[in-house]
C-alpha atoms as a PDB file:
ATOM      1  CA  THR A   1     224.921 221.715 136.797  1.00  0.00           C
ATOM      2  CA  LYS A   2     227.918 221.352 139.069  1.00  0.00           C
ATOM      3  CA  GLU A   3     228.368 223.618 142.063  1.00  0.00           C
ATOM      4  CA  THR A   4     231.874 224.742 143.007  1.00  0.00           C
ATOM      5  CA  VAL A   5     233.383 226.435 146.070  1.00  0.00           C
ATOM      6  CA  THR A   6     236.600 228.134 144.936  1.00  0.00           C
ATOM      7  CA  LEU A   7     239.462 230.134 146.482  1.00  0.00           C
ATOM      8  CA  ILE A   8     241.978 231.992 144.338  1.00  0.00           C
ATOM      9  CA  ASN A   9     244.748 233.973 146.025  1.00  0.00           C
ATOM     10  CA  THR A  10     247.612 236.194 144.947  1.00  0.00           C
ATOM     11  CA  THR A  11     250.074 233.291 144.740  1.00  0.00           C
ATOM     12  CA  ASN A  12     247.969 231.944 141.833  1.00  0.00           C
ATOM     13  CA  PHE A  13     246.937 228.894 143.856  1.00  0.00           C
ATOM     14  CA  LYS A  14     243.345 227.701 143.405  1.00  0.00           C
ATOM     15  CA  GLN A  15     241.295 225.153 145.367  1.00  0.00           C
ATOM     16  CA  GLU A  16     237.922 223.769 144.259  1.00  0.00           C
ATOM     17  CA  LEU A  17     235.330 221.581 145.930  1.00  0.00           C
ATOM     18  CA  ILE A  18     233.007 220.416 143.130  1.00  0.00           C
ATOM     19  CA  TYR A  19     229.645 218.743 143.684  1.00  0.00           C
ATOM     20  CA  ASN A  20     229.501 215.616 141.550  1.00  0.00           C
ATOM     21  CA  GLY A  21     225.988 214.289 142.225  1.00  0.00           C
ATOM     22  CA  LYS A  22     224.551 211.778 144.661  1.00  0.00           C
ATOM     23  CA  SER A  23     223.417 208.195 144.937  1.00  0.00           C
ATOM     24  CA  GLY A  24     220.854 207.552 147.661  1.00  0.00           C
ATOM     25  CA  ASN A  25     222.113 209.500 150.700  1.00  0.00           C
ATOM     26  CA  ILE A  26     225.718 209.586 149.465  1.00  0.00           C
ATOM     27  CA  ALA A  27     226.859 212.951 148.073  1.00  0.00           C
ATOM     28  CA  ARG A  28     229.955 212.924 145.875  1.00  0.00           C
ATOM     29  CA  PHE A  29     232.499 215.710 145.475  1.00  0.00           C
ATOM     30  CA  LEU A  30     235.822 216.284 143.747  1.00  0.00           C
ATOM     31  CA  TYR A  31     238.568 218.313 145.418  1.00  0.00           C
ATOM     32  CA  ARG A  32     241.159 219.887 143.107  1.00  0.00           C
ATOM     33  CA  GLU A  33     244.147 222.153 143.520  1.00  0.00           C
ATOM     34  CA  TYR A  34     245.662 224.197 140.718  1.00  0.00           C
ATOM     35  CA  SER A  35     248.929 226.057 140.518  1.00  0.00           C
ATOM     36  CA  GLY A  36     248.793 228.607 137.744  1.00  0.00           C
ATOM     37  CA  ASN A  37     246.367 227.247 135.160  1.00  0.00           C
ATOM     38  CA  LEU A  38     247.416 223.603 135.513  1.00  0.00           C
ATOM     39  CA  ALA A  39     245.563 220.932 137.479  1.00  0.00           C
ATOM     40  CA  ARG A  40     247.899 219.039 139.764  1.00  0.00           C
ATOM     41  CA  PRO A  41     246.775 215.376 139.461  1.00  0.00           C
ATOM     42  CA  ALA A  42     248.442 214.460 142.758  1.00  0.00           C
ATOM     43  CA  PHE A  43     246.128 217.000 144.360  1.00  0.00           C
ATOM     44  CA  THR A  44     242.835 215.713 142.985  1.00  0.00           C
ATOM     45  CA  GLN A  45     240.724 213.662 145.366  1.00  0.00           C
ATOM     46  CA  GLU A  46     237.267 212.081 145.224  1.00  0.00           C
ATOM     47  CA  LEU A  47     235.164 212.569 148.362  1.00  0.00           C
ATOM     48  CA  THR A  48     231.912 210.970 149.526  1.00  0.00           C
ATOM     49  CA  TYR A  49     229.650 212.003 152.396  1.00  0.00           C
ATOM     50  CA  ASP A  50     226.703 210.159 153.931  1.00  0.00           C
ATOM     51  CA  LEU A  51     224.051 212.861 154.316  1.00  0.00           C
ATOM     52  CA  ALA A  52     221.982 210.529 156.530  1.00  0.00           C
ATOM     53  CA  SER A  53     224.729 210.851 159.176  1.00  0.00           C
ATOM     54  CA  SER A  54     225.087 214.624 159.019  1.00  0.00           C
ATOM     55  CA  ARG A  55     223.968 217.512 156.823  1.00  0.00           C
ATOM     56  CA  VAL A  56     227.247 219.318 157.616  1.00  0.00           C
ATOM     57  CA  ILE A  57     230.167 218.171 155.505  1.00  0.00           C
ATOM     58  CA  GLY A  58     233.784 219.168 155.783  1.00  0.00           C
ATOM     59  CA  PHE A  59     237.066 218.882 153.957  1.00  0.00           C
ATOM     60  CA  LYS A  60     240.187 220.736 155.036  1.00  0.00           C
ATOM     61  CA  GLU A  61     238.839 223.978 156.515  1.00  0.00           C
ATOM     62  CA  VAL A  62     235.647 224.029 154.394  1.00  0.00           C
ATOM     63  CA  ARG A  63     232.365 223.378 156.209  1.00  0.00           C
ATOM     64  CA  LEU A  64     229.071 223.331 154.304  1.00  0.00           C
ATOM     65  CA  GLU A  65     225.555 222.741 155.562  1.00  0.00           C
ATOM     66  CA  VAL A  66     223.739 220.812 152.833  1.00  0.00           C
ATOM     67  CA  LEU A  67     220.176 222.098 152.519  1.00  0.00           C
ATOM     68  CA  ARG A  68     218.959 220.145 149.478  1.00  0.00           C
ATOM     69  CA  THR A  69     220.479 217.859 146.851  1.00  0.00           C
ATOM     70  CA  THR A  70     219.464 216.226 143.614  1.00  0.00           C
ATOM     71  CA  ASN A  71     221.659 214.184 141.325  1.00  0.00           C
ATOM     72  CA  THR A  72     222.535 217.343 139.387  1.00  0.00           C
ATOM     73  CA  SER A  73     222.393 220.209 141.902  1.00  0.00           C
ATOM     74  CA  ILE A  74     223.054 221.169 145.496  1.00  0.00           C
ATOM     75  CA  GLN A  75     221.825 223.951 147.762  1.00  0.00           C
ATOM     76  CA  TYR A  76     224.104 224.702 150.695  1.00  0.00           C
ATOM     77  CA  ARG A  77     225.122 227.284 153.281  1.00  0.00           C
ATOM     78  CA  VAL A  78     228.815 228.062 153.687  1.00  0.00           C
ATOM     79  CA  ILE A  79     229.874 227.795 157.344  1.00  0.00           C
ATOM     80  CA  SER A  80     233.555 228.281 156.503  1.00  0.00           C
ATOM     81  CA  GLY A  81     235.569 228.362 153.285  1.00  0.00           C
ATOM     82  CA  PHE A  82     239.118 227.654 152.222  1.00  0.00           C
ATOM     83  CA  LYS A  83     241.718 229.727 154.016  1.00  0.00           C
ATOM     84  CA  SER A  84     243.995 231.927 151.937  1.00  0.00           C
ATOM     85  CA  ARG A  85     247.628 230.908 151.625  1.00  0.00           C
ATOM     86  CA  ASP A  86     248.868 234.525 151.411  1.00  0.00           C
END
């Protein structure tokens, strides 16, 4: 099961931060932006975070406190989410 934090606004712009599993203490995520229903490959990025360094991860304006992870799931608390582009 993948976990996703998503923002969709009235300009039909969508951002996703997708949990993609972990290896040891390294958590992996994918960041994607969509315009309309199309993924914009130039706006897809792989992210890694060392959870031994900090349980709070961030990308752009998103901040998540990671509570628990397995290779297939994540439990987290949202500190801040994506900001709307309206």
